[in-house]
Amino acid sequence: MEALVVQSAPLPTPALDAIADFFGLDEIRRDAPWLHEDFQQVRDAARQRELAEESAWSDVTFARCLAGDDAWLDFVVTLLVPGLARRMRRVMDLLDATGIDVVEPRRRRLLERVTSRGQLTPERLLVAQLRLLLVAAVALGITGAVAGTFRPAWLGAVALAMLAVAAWQALSTRLRR
């Protein structure tokens, strides 16, 4: 006769935190370290499961970009599209919270400097200018195509001017530091 095994749905981390608080499992470390370690493993598994459940396709792509899997073009495109850099930063923070250390250090520093709201860094200025350049290129292209007067020279001139301004701002910010 086979035994019937009933498996319930795993508990979410807030419920596990409440259980730990109620039973004092965080303070039991010195009396029963094995129990504390077992409960910590359950808590870590729940966090990783929640991370996997709430991660969308873009979050998986962001994690791959952050890991340095030869995804520089994806990383740069992500920085240039407004809102995606913040989402990538959220994925990086989630990876850090779960203890998964896969983020390449250079990409970590660059993403932190681009998404830091409290600082005006050269990287942040450069990304903002490149975003403006991208928007201007699209706007000039659409306007020129609709009016029938598309001139690539104008687009090139605007691009060079905006890159010059971005370089000047980035260098002057770097020199003031």
Protein backbone atom coordinates (compact mmCIF):
# COMPACT_ATOMS: atom_id res chain seq x y z
CA MET A 1 0.00 0.00 0.00
CA GLU A 2 1.43 3.36 -1.05
CA ALA A 3 1.45 6.28 1.31
CA LEU A 4 -0.44 9.33 0.21
CA VAL A 5 1.76 12.38 0.41
CA VAL A 6 -0.04 15.70 0.61
CA GLN A 7 2.07 18.71 -0.11
CA SER A 8 0.74 22.12 0.75
CA ALA A 9 1.59 25.35 -1.00
CA PRO A 10 4.86 26.85 0.21
CA LEU A 11 4.63 29.70 2.67
CA PRO A 12 5.48 33.23 1.52
CA THR A 13 8.40 35.00 3.17
CA PRO A 14 6.23 37.40 5.24
CA ALA A 15 4.55 34.35 6.82
CA LEU A 16 7.94 32.77 7.50
CA ASP A 17 9.14 36.03 9.07
CA ALA A 18 6.04 36.09 11.31
CA ILE A 19 6.70 32.49 12.38
CA ALA A 20 10.32 33.32 13.15
CA ASP A 21 9.25 36.31 15.25
CA PHE A 22 6.55 34.38 17.12
CA PHE A 23 8.78 31.45 18.03
CA GLY A 24 11.93 33.51 18.47
CA LEU A 25 13.85 31.56 15.85
CA ASP A 26 16.22 34.45 15.23
CA GLU A 27 17.33 34.40 18.88
CA ILE A 28 17.70 30.60 19.07
CA ARG A 29 21.01 30.76 17.23
CA ARG A 30 23.24 29.98 20.22
CA ASP A 31 21.01 27.31 21.82
CA ALA A 32 20.09 25.36 18.67
CA PRO A 33 22.15 26.55 15.74
CA TRP A 34 20.99 23.63 13.57
CA LEU A 35 17.36 24.75 13.91
CA HIS A 36 18.26 28.31 13.00
CA GLU A 37 20.26 27.13 9.97
CA ASP A 38 17.42 24.87 8.79
CA PHE A 39 14.89 27.67 9.10
CA GLN A 40 17.23 30.06 7.30
CA GLN A 41 17.49 27.59 4.41
CA VAL A 42 13.69 27.43 4.21
CA ARG A 43 13.53 31.23 4.25
CA ASP A 44 16.18 31.54 1.50
CA ALA A 45 14.40 28.96 -0.65
CA ALA A 46 11.14 30.90 -0.26
CA ARG A 47 12.86 34.14 -1.33
CA GLN A 48 14.39 32.49 -4.38
CA ARG A 49 11.05 30.93 -5.31
CA GLU A 50 9.30 34.32 -5.01
CA LEU A 51 12.00 35.92 -7.12
CA ALA A 52 11.54 33.27 -9.80
CA GLU A 53 7.75 33.66 -9.73
CA GLU A 54 7.72 37.43 -10.04
CA SER A 55 10.46 37.65 -12.62
CA ALA A 56 9.22 38.40 -16.08
CA TRP A 57 11.02 37.72 -19.33
CA SER A 58 12.62 41.17 -19.18
CA ASP A 59 13.88 40.54 -15.65
CA VAL A 60 15.59 37.34 -16.81
CA THR A 61 17.14 39.33 -19.67
CA PHE A 62 18.27 41.99 -17.17
CA ALA A 63 19.87 39.33 -14.96
CA ARG A 64 21.70 37.95 -18.00
CA CYS A 65 22.89 41.45 -18.92
CA LEU A 66 24.10 42.08 -15.37
CA ALA A 67 25.95 38.78 -15.22
CA GLY A 68 28.15 39.85 -18.11
CA ASP A 69 27.15 37.13 -20.54
CA ASP A 70 28.45 39.08 -23.53
CA ALA A 71 25.28 41.16 -23.58
CA TRP A 72 26.81 44.65 -23.86
CA LEU A 73 24.45 45.73 -26.62
CA ASP A 74 21.43 44.66 -24.55
CA PHE A 75 22.91 46.47 -21.54
CA VAL A 76 23.43 49.71 -23.49
CA VAL A 77 19.97 49.57 -25.07
CA THR A 78 18.49 49.02 -21.63
CA LEU A 79 20.26 52.12 -20.33
CA LEU A 80 18.98 54.21 -23.24
CA VAL A 81 15.29 53.30 -22.92
CA PRO A 82 13.69 55.39 -20.16
CA GLY A 83 12.49 53.30 -17.22
CA LEU A 84 14.39 50.13 -18.08
CA ALA A 85 17.54 51.13 -16.18
CA ARG A 86 15.48 51.47 -12.98
CA ARG A 87 13.93 48.05 -13.57
CA MET A 88 17.38 46.57 -14.14
CA ARG A 89 18.52 48.20 -10.88
CA ARG A 90 15.54 46.56 -9.13
CA VAL A 91 16.57 43.17 -10.50
CA MET A 92 20.13 43.80 -9.30
CA ASP A 93 18.83 44.69 -5.82
CA LEU A 94 16.66 41.55 -5.77
CA LEU A 95 19.66 39.42 -6.73
CA ASP A 96 21.66 41.05 -3.95
CA ALA A 97 18.85 40.48 -1.43
CA THR A 98 18.74 36.77 -2.20
CA GLY A 99 22.49 36.43 -1.89
CA ILE A 100 23.00 35.51 -5.53
CA ASP A 101 26.27 37.19 -6.52
CA VAL A 102 26.33 37.09 -10.32
CA VAL A 103 26.51 40.79 -11.18
CA GLU A 104 29.69 41.84 -12.95
CA PRO A 105 31.42 44.57 -10.88
CA ARG A 106 31.92 47.01 -13.79
CA ARG A 107 28.27 46.79 -14.80
CA ARG A 108 27.22 47.15 -11.16
CA ARG A 109 29.19 50.39 -10.78
CA LEU A 110 27.92 51.78 -14.09
CA LEU A 111 24.29 50.95 -13.30
CA GLU A 112 24.59 52.44 -9.82
CA ARG A 113 26.08 55.65 -11.21
CA VAL A 114 23.45 55.93 -13.98
CA THR A 115 20.49 55.29 -11.66
CA SER A 116 21.62 57.27 -8.62
CA ARG A 117 18.99 59.95 -8.13
CA GLY A 118 20.94 61.85 -5.50
CA GLN A 119 24.05 62.40 -7.62
CA LEU A 120 24.79 64.09 -10.90
CA THR A 121 27.42 61.79 -12.37
CA PRO A 122 29.07 62.04 -15.80
CA GLU A 123 27.57 58.66 -16.71
CA ARG A 124 24.08 59.86 -15.80
CA LEU A 125 24.54 63.00 -17.91
CA LEU A 126 25.86 61.03 -20.85
CA VAL A 127 22.95 58.59 -20.77
CA ALA A 128 20.48 61.49 -20.56
CA GLN A 129 22.09 63.18 -23.56
CA LEU A 130 22.13 59.95 -25.55
CA ARG A 131 18.44 59.49 -24.77
CA LEU A 132 17.79 63.02 -26.06
CA LEU A 133 19.79 62.23 -29.16
CA LEU A 134 17.74 59.11 -29.76
CA VAL A 135 14.47 61.03 -29.37
CA ALA A 136 15.71 63.84 -31.62
CA ALA A 137 16.80 61.37 -34.29
CA VAL A 138 13.42 59.67 -34.27
CA ALA A 139 11.55 62.99 -34.29
CA LEU A 140 13.66 64.43 -37.12
CA GLY A 141 13.34 61.21 -39.10
CA ILE A 142 9.57 61.07 -38.75
CA THR A 143 9.16 64.79 -39.47
CA GLY A 144 11.40 64.58 -42.51
CA ALA A 145 9.65 61.48 -43.80
CA VAL A 146 6.20 63.05 -43.41
CA ALA A 147 7.22 66.36 -44.97
CA GLY A 148 9.24 64.66 -47.68
CA THR A 149 12.33 66.69 -46.80
CA PHE A 150 14.41 64.13 -44.92
CA ARG A 151 18.02 65.25 -44.85
CA PRO A 152 20.52 62.95 -43.17
CA ALA A 153 22.97 65.86 -42.91
CA TRP A 154 20.65 67.65 -40.48
CA LEU A 155 20.34 64.51 -38.42
CA GLY A 156 24.12 64.11 -38.38
CA ALA A 157 24.61 67.75 -37.36
CA VAL A 158 22.12 67.41 -34.51
CA ALA A 159 23.78 64.16 -33.40
CA LEU A 160 27.26 65.71 -33.39
CA ALA A 161 26.06 68.79 -31.51
CA MET A 162 24.31 66.71 -28.87
CA LEU A 163 27.30 64.39 -28.47
CA ALA A 164 29.58 67.39 -28.09
CA VAL A 165 27.31 68.81 -25.39
CA ALA A 166 27.15 65.42 -23.66
CA ALA A 167 30.93 65.05 -23.74
CA TRP A 168 31.43 68.59 -22.44
CA GLN A 169 28.94 68.05 -19.59
CA ALA A 170 30.46 64.71 -18.66
CA LEU A 171 34.00 66.07 -18.69
CA SER A 172 33.13 69.23 -16.78
CA THR A 173 31.28 67.18 -14.15
CA ARG A 174 34.24 64.82 -13.88
CA LEU A 175 36.68 67.74 -13.54
CA ARG A 176 34.64 69.41 -10.79
CA ARG A 177 34.81 66.29 -8.65
